[in-house]
Protein backbone atom coordinates (compact mmCIF):
# COMPACT_ATOMS: atom_id res chain seq x y z
CA MET A 1 -28.25 10.73 20.88
CA SER A 2 -31.61 10.07 22.29
CA GLY A 3 -34.54 9.66 20.27
CA GLN A 4 -38.42 10.27 20.98
CA PRO A 5 -39.68 9.46 24.02
CA MET A 6 -42.27 6.95 23.61
CA PRO A 7 -44.92 4.67 26.38
CA CYS A 8 -43.15 1.43 27.94
CA SER A 9 -45.56 -1.39 27.64
CA PRO A 10 -44.36 -4.01 30.56
CA GLN A 11 -46.44 -6.17 28.11
CA GLU A 12 -44.56 -5.62 25.02
CA ILE A 13 -41.08 -5.51 26.83
CA GLY A 14 -42.26 -8.94 28.52
CA SER A 15 -42.96 -10.60 24.80
CA MET A 16 -39.16 -10.16 23.86
CA PHE A 17 -37.12 -13.58 24.61
CA LEU A 18 -34.97 -11.83 26.38
CA PHE A 19 -37.55 -10.57 29.35
CA GLU A 20 -40.16 -13.71 28.67
CA LYS A 21 -39.43 -15.44 32.07
CA LEU A 22 -39.44 -12.18 34.11
CA THR A 23 -42.53 -11.45 36.51
CA PRO A 24 -44.72 -8.38 36.41
CA LYS A 25 -42.79 -7.13 39.02
CA GLN A 26 -40.10 -7.18 37.25
CA LEU A 27 -40.96 -5.95 34.11
CA GLY A 28 -42.41 -2.80 35.88
CA ARG A 29 -39.57 -2.31 37.48
CA LEU A 30 -37.74 -2.30 33.86
CA CYS A 31 -40.38 0.02 32.50
CA CYS A 32 -39.99 2.34 35.24
CA GLU A 33 -36.32 2.65 35.33
CA GLY A 34 -35.55 2.52 31.47
CA ARG A 35 -37.71 3.88 28.54
CA VAL A 36 -38.68 3.37 25.24
CA GLU A 37 -37.46 5.66 22.37
CA LYS A 38 -37.87 5.75 18.80
CA PHE A 39 -35.27 6.72 16.21
CA GLU A 40 -35.56 8.11 12.83
CA PRO A 41 -33.08 6.91 10.46
CA GLY A 42 -29.35 7.82 11.38
CA PRO A 43 -26.62 6.98 14.40
CA VAL A 44 -27.40 5.21 17.82
CA TYR A 45 -24.05 5.53 19.22
CA THR A 46 -20.49 5.60 17.87
CA GLU A 47 -17.94 2.94 18.47
CA GLY A 48 -15.59 4.14 21.36
CA GLU A 49 -18.04 6.31 23.35
CA PRO A 50 -18.92 5.55 26.85
CA ALA A 51 -21.38 2.90 26.84
CA THR A 52 -24.19 4.33 29.21
CA CYS A 53 -26.99 2.01 27.62
CA PHE A 54 -28.55 -1.30 26.61
CA TYR A 55 -30.64 -1.54 23.65
CA MET A 56 -33.24 -3.70 22.69
CA MET A 57 -35.04 -3.32 19.48
CA LEU A 58 -38.84 -3.33 19.35
CA GLY A 59 -39.45 -2.79 15.78
CA GLY A 60 -37.72 -1.41 13.02
CA THR A 61 -34.00 -2.62 11.41
CA VAL A 62 -30.49 -1.75 12.94
CA VAL A 63 -27.10 -2.06 11.41
CA LEU A 64 -24.12 -2.78 13.54
CA SER A 65 -20.87 -1.53 12.30
CA ARG A 66 -16.82 -1.87 13.28
CA ARG A 67 -14.23 1.03 12.37
CA VAL A 68 -11.23 -0.62 10.40
CA GLY A 69 -9.03 1.85 9.19
CA GLY A 70 -10.48 4.60 8.42
CA ASP A 71 -13.91 2.49 7.42
CA ASP A 72 -17.23 1.47 9.08
CA VAL A 73 -17.42 -2.36 8.08
CA GLU A 74 -20.97 -3.42 8.51
CA VAL A 75 -20.95 -6.56 10.33
CA THR A 76 -24.71 -7.10 11.29
CA ARG A 77 -28.15 -5.87 9.86
CA THR A 78 -31.09 -7.45 11.12
CA SER A 79 -35.03 -6.18 11.58
CA GLN A 80 -35.45 -9.16 14.20
CA ARG A 81 -37.63 -7.97 17.40
CA GLY A 82 -35.47 -8.67 20.72
CA VAL A 83 -32.13 -8.38 19.55
CA TYR A 84 -29.60 -6.26 21.63
CA ALA A 85 -26.54 -4.39 21.92
CA GLY A 86 -24.89 -1.39 23.95
CA ALA A 87 -23.61 -1.73 27.07
CA MET A 88 -23.50 -5.46 27.59
CA GLN A 89 -20.62 -5.62 30.12
CA ALA A 90 -21.90 -3.23 32.64
CA TYR A 91 -22.08 -5.86 34.64
CA LEU A 92 -18.41 -6.46 35.12
CA GLY A 93 -18.43 -2.73 36.25
CA ASP A 94 -14.96 -0.30 36.51
CA ARG A 95 -13.05 -3.98 36.01
CA VAL A 96 -13.39 -3.20 32.10
CA ARG A 97 -13.41 -0.15 30.12
CA GLN A 98 -16.77 0.82 29.28
CA VAL A 99 -16.99 1.62 25.93
CA TYR A 100 -19.51 0.59 22.89
CA ASN A 101 -17.06 -1.82 20.97
CA ASN A 102 -19.23 -1.18 17.62
CA SER A 103 -21.33 1.72 16.11
CA MET A 104 -25.14 1.50 15.45
CA ARG A 105 -27.57 2.79 13.31
CA VAL A 106 -31.35 2.45 12.10
CA THR A 107 -32.29 2.51 8.69
CA GLU A 108 -35.93 3.18 9.37
CA PRO A 109 -38.21 4.98 12.11
CA THR A 110 -37.54 2.11 14.90
CA ARG A 111 -37.98 1.49 18.38
CA PHE A 112 -35.78 0.49 21.31
CA PHE A 113 -36.34 -0.58 24.73
CA VAL A 114 -33.20 1.56 26.67
CA LEU A 115 -32.07 0.89 29.98
CA PRO A 116 -29.38 2.56 31.60
CA ALA A 117 -26.00 0.89 31.97
CA ASP A 118 -26.08 1.11 35.84
CA THR A 119 -29.58 -0.21 35.84
CA PHE A 120 -28.74 -2.80 33.52
CA ALA A 121 -25.93 -4.12 35.93
CA SER A 122 -27.79 -3.55 39.12
CA VAL A 123 -30.80 -5.83 37.73
CA MET A 124 -27.89 -8.46 36.43
CA SER A 125 -26.81 -8.48 39.76
CA GLU A 126 -29.90 -8.97 41.48
CA TRP A 127 -31.67 -11.19 39.43
CA PHE A 128 -29.14 -13.63 38.20
CA PRO A 129 -26.40 -13.99 40.42
CA MET A 130 -25.48 -16.85 39.32
CA ALA A 131 -25.48 -16.42 35.52
CA VAL A 132 -23.37 -13.15 36.31
CA HIS A 133 -20.86 -15.24 38.53
CA LEU A 134 -20.53 -17.62 35.23
CA LEU A 135 -20.31 -14.92 32.83
CA GLU A 136 -17.40 -13.20 34.86
CA GLY A 137 -15.51 -16.11 35.26
CA LEU A 138 -15.75 -16.98 31.47
CA PHE A 139 -14.64 -13.25 30.64
CA PHE A 140 -11.72 -13.00 32.72
CA GLY A 141 -10.84 -16.52 32.05
CA GLN A 142 -10.83 -16.02 28.52
CA LYS A 143 -8.90 -13.11 28.81
CA SER A 144 -6.40 -15.01 30.90
CA ALA A 145 -5.99 -17.50 28.39
CA GLN A 146 -5.99 -15.69 25.62
CA LEU A 147 -3.19 -13.27 27.00
CA ALA A 148 -1.74 -16.91 28.02
CA ILE A 149 -2.13 -17.91 24.51
CA ASN A 150 -0.72 -14.52 22.85
CA GLN A 151 2.58 -14.80 25.55
CA ARG A 152 3.00 -18.55 24.33
CA GLU A 153 3.15 -17.24 20.61
CA ARG A 154 5.30 -14.09 21.59
CA LEU A 155 8.25 -17.03 23.19
CA LEU A 156 7.94 -19.31 20.17
CA ALA A 157 8.92 -16.35 18.07
CA LEU A 158 11.09 -15.08 20.47
CA GLY A 159 12.94 -18.65 20.27
CA SER A 160 13.48 -19.08 16.64
CA LEU A 161 14.78 -15.72 16.59
CA SER A 162 17.24 -16.36 19.48
CA ALA A 163 18.49 -19.48 17.63
CA GLY A 164 18.88 -17.05 14.13
CA LEU A 165 20.43 -14.53 16.58
CA THR A 166 22.89 -16.65 17.82
CA HIS A 167 23.80 -17.90 14.45
CA GLU A 168 24.15 -14.46 13.06
CA LEU A 169 26.42 -13.30 15.70
CA ASN A 170 28.64 -16.46 15.91
CA ASN A 171 29.83 -15.91 12.45
CA PRO A 172 31.16 -12.69 12.92
CA ALA A 173 32.47 -13.11 16.33
CA ALA A 174 34.30 -16.29 15.12
CA ALA A 175 35.92 -14.32 12.33
CA ALA A 176 37.23 -11.70 14.62
CA VAL A 177 38.58 -14.26 16.95
CA ARG A 178 40.47 -15.76 14.46
CA ALA A 179 41.78 -12.38 12.60
CA THR A 180 42.88 -11.23 16.37
CA ALA A 181 44.80 -14.59 16.75
CA THR A 182 46.53 -14.18 13.52
CA LEU A 183 47.27 -10.57 13.53
CA ARG A 184 48.87 -11.44 16.94
CA GLU A 185 51.26 -13.92 14.75
CA ARG A 186 51.90 -11.20 11.94
CA VAL A 187 52.49 -8.25 14.39
CA ALA A 188 55.36 -11.04 16.38
CA LYS A 189 56.96 -11.55 13.05
CA MET A 190 56.73 -8.06 11.98
CA ARG A 191 58.89 -6.89 15.20
CA ARG A 192 61.65 -9.84 14.35
CA LYS A 193 61.53 -8.62 10.48
CA LEU A 194 62.07 -5.00 11.93
CA ALA A 195 64.81 -5.87 13.93
CA VAL A 196 66.67 -7.82 11.25
CA ILE A 197 66.16 -4.75 8.91
CA ALA A 198 67.37 -2.02 11.89
CA GLU A 199 70.36 -4.43 12.57
CA GLY A 200 72.10 -4.34 8.80
CA PRO A 201 74.20 -1.28 7.50
CA PHE A 202 71.55 1.40 6.26
CA SER A 203 71.85 4.46 6.93
CA ARG A 204 69.05 6.56 9.20
CA GLU A 205 67.61 8.14 5.58
CA THR A 206 67.20 4.46 4.29
CA LEU A 207 65.09 3.68 7.59
CA ALA A 208 63.20 7.06 7.52
CA THR A 209 62.02 6.05 3.65
CA LEU A 210 61.32 2.95 4.72
CA ILE A 211 58.85 3.84 7.33
CA GLU A 212 57.61 6.35 4.82
CA ILE A 213 56.82 3.64 2.67
CA GLN A 214 55.36 1.92 5.40
CA GLU A 215 52.40 4.51 6.03
CA ARG A 216 51.79 5.14 2.49
CA THR A 217 51.15 1.38 2.01
CA ALA A 218 48.96 1.56 4.73
CA GLU A 219 47.04 4.22 3.10
CA ARG A 220 46.86 2.37 -0.14
CA VAL A 221 45.02 -0.77 1.67
CA ALA A 222 42.53 1.62 3.10
CA LYS A 223 41.68 2.79 -1.04
CA ALA A 224 42.07 -0.75 -2.26
CA PRO A 225 39.81 -1.05 -5.22
CA VAL A 226 37.42 -4.46 -5.57
CA LEU A 227 38.45 -6.42 -8.33
CA SER A 228 36.96 -9.40 -9.94
CA PRO A 229 38.67 -13.13 -9.29
CA LEU A 230 39.66 -12.74 -12.84
CA GLU A 231 41.52 -9.00 -12.64
CA ALA A 232 42.47 -10.44 -8.84
CA SER A 233 44.33 -13.27 -10.97
CA ASP A 234 45.97 -11.48 -13.87
CA ARG A 235 47.32 -9.19 -11.34
CA GLU A 236 48.80 -12.22 -9.11
CA ASP A 237 50.50 -13.28 -12.03
CA VAL A 238 52.36 -10.06 -12.96
CA LEU A 239 53.44 -9.65 -9.66
CA THR A 240 54.71 -12.75 -8.97
CA ASP A 241 56.56 -12.31 -12.28
CA TRP A 242 58.22 -8.86 -11.12
CA LEU A 243 58.92 -10.37 -7.28
CA GLU A 244 60.83 -13.49 -8.93
CA ASP A 245 62.86 -11.47 -11.31
CA GLN A 246 63.94 -9.54 -8.00
CA GLY A 247 65.54 -12.71 -6.89
CA ILE A 248 62.53 -13.56 -4.28
CA GLY A 249 61.17 -17.13 -4.69
CA TYR A 250 58.23 -16.71 -2.44
CA GLY A 251 56.72 -14.09 -4.42
CA TRP A 252 53.79 -16.01 -5.35
CA GLN A 253 52.90 -16.15 -1.99
CA LEU A 254 53.09 -12.63 -1.02
CA ALA A 255 51.44 -11.55 -4.65
CA PRO A 256 47.50 -12.49 -3.68
CA THR A 257 48.11 -10.00 -0.58
CA PHE A 258 49.53 -6.89 -2.21
CA VAL A 259 46.61 -7.68 -4.92
CA GLN A 260 44.28 -7.45 -2.40
CA ALA A 261 45.81 -4.18 -0.82
CA GLY A 262 45.80 -2.72 -4.53
CA LEU A 263 49.79 -2.94 -5.10
CA ASP A 264 51.05 -3.35 -8.49
CA VAL A 265 54.37 -3.14 -10.37
CA ASP A 266 54.88 0.40 -10.08
CA TRP A 267 54.42 0.92 -6.69
CA LEU A 268 56.90 -1.79 -6.02
CA GLU A 269 59.20 -0.24 -8.30
CA GLN A 270 59.32 2.75 -6.26
CA VAL A 271 60.03 0.67 -3.43
CA ALA A 272 62.68 -0.79 -5.22
CA ALA A 273 64.40 2.39 -6.05
CA ALA A 274 63.92 3.97 -2.66
CA VAL A 275 65.78 1.20 -0.19
CA GLY A 276 68.10 -0.64 -2.57
CA GLU A 277 68.43 -4.00 -3.88
CA GLU A 278 70.50 -5.31 -1.05
CA ILE A 279 67.30 -4.53 1.13
CA LEU A 280 64.60 -5.43 -1.23
CA PRO A 281 63.80 -8.88 -0.10
CA ASN A 282 63.31 -7.98 3.70
CA ALA A 283 61.82 -4.76 2.86
CA VAL A 284 58.92 -6.53 0.41
CA GLY A 285 58.89 -9.09 3.28
CA TRP A 286 57.97 -6.22 5.70
CA LEU A 287 55.65 -4.74 3.82
CA ASN A 288 53.73 -7.69 3.61
CA TYR A 289 53.63 -8.10 7.25
CA THR A 290 52.23 -4.21 7.12
CA ILE A 291 49.36 -5.13 4.50
CA GLU A 292 48.32 -8.39 6.51
CA THR A 293 48.00 -6.06 9.84
CA GLU A 294 46.26 -3.83 8.26
CA LEU A 295 43.98 -6.23 6.09
CA LEU A 296 43.51 -8.19 9.88
CA MET A 297 42.52 -5.23 11.32
CA ASN A 298 39.72 -4.31 8.60
CA GLU A 299 38.38 -7.52 9.19
CA ILE A 300 38.04 -7.13 12.57
CA GLU A 301 36.38 -3.73 12.12
CA ASP A 302 34.15 -5.11 9.86
CA SER A 303 33.43 -8.20 12.52
CA THR A 304 32.51 -6.20 15.66
CA THR A 305 30.79 -3.25 13.09
CA ARG A 306 28.65 -6.44 11.98
CA ILE A 307 28.12 -7.52 15.64
CA SER A 308 27.17 -4.23 16.79
CA HIS A 309 24.51 -3.75 14.02
CA LEU A 310 23.02 -7.27 15.00
CA VAL A 311 22.85 -5.75 18.64
CA ASP A 312 21.08 -2.56 17.37
CA ALA A 313 18.86 -4.84 15.23
CA ALA A 314 17.79 -7.00 17.93
CA LYS A 315 17.14 -4.07 20.51
CA GLN A 316 15.04 -1.99 17.68
CA TYR A 317 13.01 -5.66 16.72
CA SER A 318 12.36 -6.10 20.68
CA GLN A 319 12.03 -2.17 21.13
CA LEU A 320 13.28 -3.03 24.54
CA ASP A 321 14.52 0.39 25.57
CA ARG A 322 11.77 2.43 23.75
CA ALA A 323 8.32 3.50 24.79
CA PRO A 324 5.23 1.26 23.48
CA TYR A 325 3.39 3.56 21.95
CA GLN A 326 5.57 6.55 19.63
CA VAL A 327 5.97 7.47 16.20
CA ALA A 328 8.34 5.20 14.46
CA ASP A 329 9.56 4.59 11.05
CA VAL A 330 8.40 1.13 9.75
CA HIS A 331 11.26 0.75 7.28
CA GLU A 332 13.41 0.55 10.50
CA LEU A 333 11.57 -1.96 11.87
CA LEU A 334 10.94 -3.88 8.67
CA ASP A 335 14.86 -4.24 8.01
CA SER A 336 15.24 -5.04 11.76
CA THR A 337 13.06 -8.03 11.74
CA LEU A 338 14.23 -9.35 8.06
CA LEU A 339 17.88 -8.87 9.76
CA MET A 340 16.80 -11.05 12.56
CA LEU A 341 14.70 -13.31 10.56
CA SER A 342 17.60 -14.01 8.12
CA ALA A 343 18.88 -17.28 9.60
CA LYS A 344 15.63 -18.54 8.33
CA ILE A 345 15.11 -16.91 5.57
CA GLY A 346 18.08 -18.45 4.20
CA GLN A 347 20.20 -18.16 1.20
CA ARG A 348 18.00 -20.03 -1.37
CA ILE A 349 15.25 -17.40 -0.73
CA GLU A 350 15.64 -13.85 -2.50
CA VAL A 351 14.74 -10.60 -0.50
CA VAL A 352 13.85 -7.49 -2.15
CA ARG A 353 12.97 -4.39 -0.82
CA GLU A 354 10.87 -1.99 -2.79
CA TYR A 355 10.64 0.88 0.01
CA ASP A 356 9.13 4.14 -0.52
CA ARG A 357 11.43 6.37 1.43
CA THR A 358 9.65 9.52 1.17
CA LEU A 359 6.71 8.34 3.83
CA PRO A 360 6.32 9.98 6.81
CA LYS A 361 6.81 7.98 10.27
CA ILE A 362 3.79 6.80 11.86
CA PRO A 363 2.26 6.68 15.30
CA ALA A 364 2.25 2.79 16.41
CA TYR A 365 3.22 0.35 18.65
CA PRO A 366 6.71 -0.33 17.11
CA ALA A 367 7.51 -3.73 18.83
CA GLU A 368 3.82 -5.44 17.85
CA LEU A 369 4.00 -4.25 14.67
CA ASN A 370 7.41 -6.02 14.14
CA GLN A 371 5.62 -9.17 15.58
CA VAL A 372 3.26 -8.96 12.57
CA TRP A 373 5.71 -8.84 10.35
CA THR A 374 7.34 -11.98 11.76
CA ASN A 375 4.34 -13.68 11.63
CA LEU A 376 4.10 -12.49 7.80
CA ILE A 377 7.88 -13.47 6.96
CA ASP A 378 7.40 -16.61 8.36
CA ASN A 379 4.37 -17.68 6.78
CA ALA A 380 5.66 -16.61 3.49
CA VAL A 381 8.57 -18.32 4.14
CA ALA A 382 6.96 -21.70 4.98
CA ALA A 383 4.86 -21.28 1.70
CA MET A 384 7.92 -21.12 -0.20
CA ASN A 385 9.63 -24.10 1.85
CA GLY A 386 6.73 -25.86 0.75
CA ALA A 387 6.85 -25.22 -2.98
CA GLY A 388 10.83 -26.32 -3.30
CA GLY A 389 12.38 -24.07 -0.85
CA GLU A 390 13.18 -21.19 -3.31
CA GLY A 391 11.65 -18.19 -4.34
CA THR A 392 11.17 -14.48 -3.90
CA LEU A 393 10.03 -12.67 -1.02
CA THR A 394 9.25 -8.58 -1.70
CA VAL A 395 8.35 -5.93 0.82
CA ARG A 396 6.92 -3.17 -0.49
CA THR A 397 5.96 -0.08 1.17
CA ALA A 398 3.36 2.75 -0.46
CA ARG A 399 1.22 5.41 0.22
CA ASP A 400 -2.60 4.16 0.00
CA ASN A 401 -4.83 7.46 0.45
CA ASP A 402 -4.57 8.56 3.81
CA ARG A 403 -3.07 5.07 5.20
CA LEU A 404 0.20 3.75 4.90
CA LEU A 405 0.72 -0.25 2.76
CA VAL A 406 3.03 -2.73 3.69
CA GLU A 407 2.78 -5.58 1.35
CA PHE A 408 4.99 -8.90 1.59
CA GLN A 409 4.91 -10.80 -1.42
CA ASP A 410 5.98 -14.20 -1.94
CA THR A 411 6.67 -16.83 -4.44
CA GLY A 412 4.98 -19.97 -2.68
CA HIS A 413 1.96 -22.44 -3.50
CA GLY A 414 -0.78 -19.67 -2.84
CA VAL A 415 -3.74 -19.59 -0.03
CA PRO A 416 -6.38 -21.99 -1.34
CA PRO A 417 -9.74 -20.11 -2.02
CA GLU A 418 -11.64 -22.68 0.27
CA ILE A 419 -9.46 -21.69 3.28
CA ARG A 420 -9.07 -17.96 2.72
CA ASP A 421 -11.42 -16.82 5.07
CA ARG A 422 -10.55 -18.80 7.60
CA ILE A 423 -6.79 -17.90 8.11
CA PHE A 424 -7.36 -15.13 10.16
CA ASP A 425 -9.44 -17.29 12.77
CA PRO A 426 -7.80 -18.16 15.64
CA PHE A 427 -5.80 -21.91 16.23
CA PHE A 428 -6.38 -22.33 12.13
CA THR A 429 -3.01 -23.57 10.46
CA THR A 430 -1.86 -25.45 7.59
CA LYS A 431 1.29 -26.23 8.99
CA PRO A 432 2.00 -29.90 10.33
CA VAL A 433 0.92 -30.62 13.80
CA GLY A 434 3.55 -29.03 16.68
CA GLU A 435 4.58 -26.70 13.56
CA GLY A 436 2.29 -24.03 14.13
CA THR A 437 -0.33 -22.76 16.64
CA GLY A 438 -2.51 -21.40 14.30
CA LEU A 439 -2.42 -17.91 15.95
CA GLY A 440 0.38 -15.86 13.92
CA LEU A 441 -2.44 -14.41 11.65
CA ASP A 442 -5.25 -14.11 14.21
CA ILE A 443 -2.68 -12.01 16.49
CA SER A 444 -1.70 -10.25 13.61
CA TRP A 445 -5.12 -9.12 12.69
CA ARG A 446 -5.27 -7.95 16.34
CA ILE A 447 -2.57 -5.84 16.55
CA VAL A 448 -3.24 -4.10 12.77
CA VAL A 449 -7.13 -3.79 12.85
CA ASP A 450 -8.12 -3.51 16.94
CA LYS A 451 -5.04 -1.82 18.26
CA HIS A 452 -3.91 0.52 15.19
CA HIS A 453 -7.41 0.59 13.30
CA GLY A 454 -5.82 -0.26 10.18
CA SER A 455 -6.37 -3.29 8.21
CA LEU A 456 -5.10 -6.94 6.93
CA ARG A 457 -5.96 -8.07 3.85
CA VAL A 458 -4.78 -11.11 1.21
CA GLU A 459 -4.63 -11.34 -2.00
CA SER A 460 -2.97 -15.06 -3.51
CA VAL A 461 -2.84 -17.10 -6.67
CA PRO A 462 -0.10 -19.62 -6.81
CA GLY A 463 3.43 -18.11 -7.38
CA ASP A 464 1.85 -14.98 -6.32
CA THR A 465 0.60 -14.74 -2.70
CA ARG A 466 0.28 -10.65 -1.01
CA PHE A 467 -0.82 -9.96 2.50
CA GLN A 468 -1.40 -6.23 2.53
CA VAL A 469 -0.82 -4.13 6.40
CA LEU A 470 -2.84 -1.06 5.83
CA LEU A 471 -2.16 1.71 9.08
CA PRO A 472 -3.23 5.39 9.42
CA LEU A 473 -0.68 8.06 8.95
CA LYS A 474 -2.24 9.58 11.57
CA ALA A 475 -3.28 9.00 15.16
CA ALA A 476 -6.68 8.43 16.08
CA ASP A 477 -8.29 11.03 18.20
CA PRO A 478 -6.38 10.84 21.93
CA ASP A 479 -9.61 9.87 23.64
CA ASP A 480 -10.00 6.95 21.29
CA THR A 481 -6.57 6.04 20.94
CA PRO A 482 -5.49 2.68 22.90
CA LEU A 483 -2.19 3.32 25.16
CA THR A 484 -2.74 -0.01 26.27
CA PRO A 485 -3.44 -3.53 24.97
CA PRO A 486 -7.62 -3.77 23.62
CA GLU A 487 -9.54 -5.79 26.03
CA PRO A 488 -9.73 -9.34 24.31
CA ASP A 489 -13.57 -9.00 23.17
CA THR A 490 -14.83 -12.02 24.57
CA THR A 491 -18.87 -11.21 24.31
CA GLU A 492 -20.75 -11.51 21.36
CA GLU A 493 -22.76 -8.74 20.07
CA GLN A 494 -26.97 -10.46 20.13
CA ALA A 495 -27.90 -7.33 17.39
């Protein structure tokens, strides 16, 4: 926006602390290439717009605000003459995206000295070359340091997750290896038992009946009910008695397998009636091997399916095969993160999911949201470990007007009121030396607030701490939606 043009006085702008050391010739150039404008109450410029001007307030009241989610949050209000804002990084040129980092408005008629961004960049380079080099070095040095720190934080999280994932993969993999070795042994015994049966004086019809029983037994295994320990024990006793009555002295060894497969006395009575008394012991032994092979194959299938799910979760978590910016289901992201962190969470912490599955997918950077979930879950687990190692982690999603709420609630010791305002500061940590970088919440804040235009807040009392992430349900305007990580804000607005 532009205000009402007014005369520019070199003496007036020279009285401002920023320009007080300039020569009359330099002040004359500023007045010649710049201008004085009077703005009525209202907006002067808006965050995200191209930064075309540098503003110095000559008199009035100015308010600076930042966009957080769908709200404008006031960060500065002042009536001090000489404060400045606007295109403060113009001296960096095209190396940095030149947009306003905040919104500025005035609450009363206010005069500004307005300098075009290209003039500001030119006079900085000509009049203060050493200062410009120092500022450039500070800006890009801090930018590189911030990127390196962020990368280290990600690597630390990756190392922790890799250890957990290795542990999670090892269990089903070892189970599959054991089941495969046992299966090979059982199949060999089945072949020998079948050879014994085939060499006996049994008719073709009897053998066909036995094969049919085997098929029906395999089908029954697939439909076996899940029994309580007490129910299983009672059925095993009944089957053991029946097998011993049939002269099968090792029935106590077969009974647990038959019960696991869902077989009962009625089923064995049908088998006995079909094959005859003389073949029954061999037939029962053969069916036992059939059941064991089916159960072992089920175990192998379960183990390999578990491995597949873990690999899928790792891919979902890392988003290695996905576009950086996409429409994502936060519940899939939360589940993959919880699975990846299951080893760290442990058995003593109960995880409760309270998801509103009706919530729509949202435009987001999924890999970076997973990093936010990781940081918040890690903090919650650490808080509960510090409070005895037991507790409940509740992950909740809900709609909050035009935003999506993701809440992490833990039953740990809480965040003391005296440090609550500092927990999002870089390098602030309550963890012991060597256990925390103090960057987890700072990075989470940047991802949620700066990159997703959301908000991150905390509510805490002992035994009930809630970190709440609020994300827009819809994307921002295309021109304002960052498709690359935002530049670190290493300069401070002076207004």
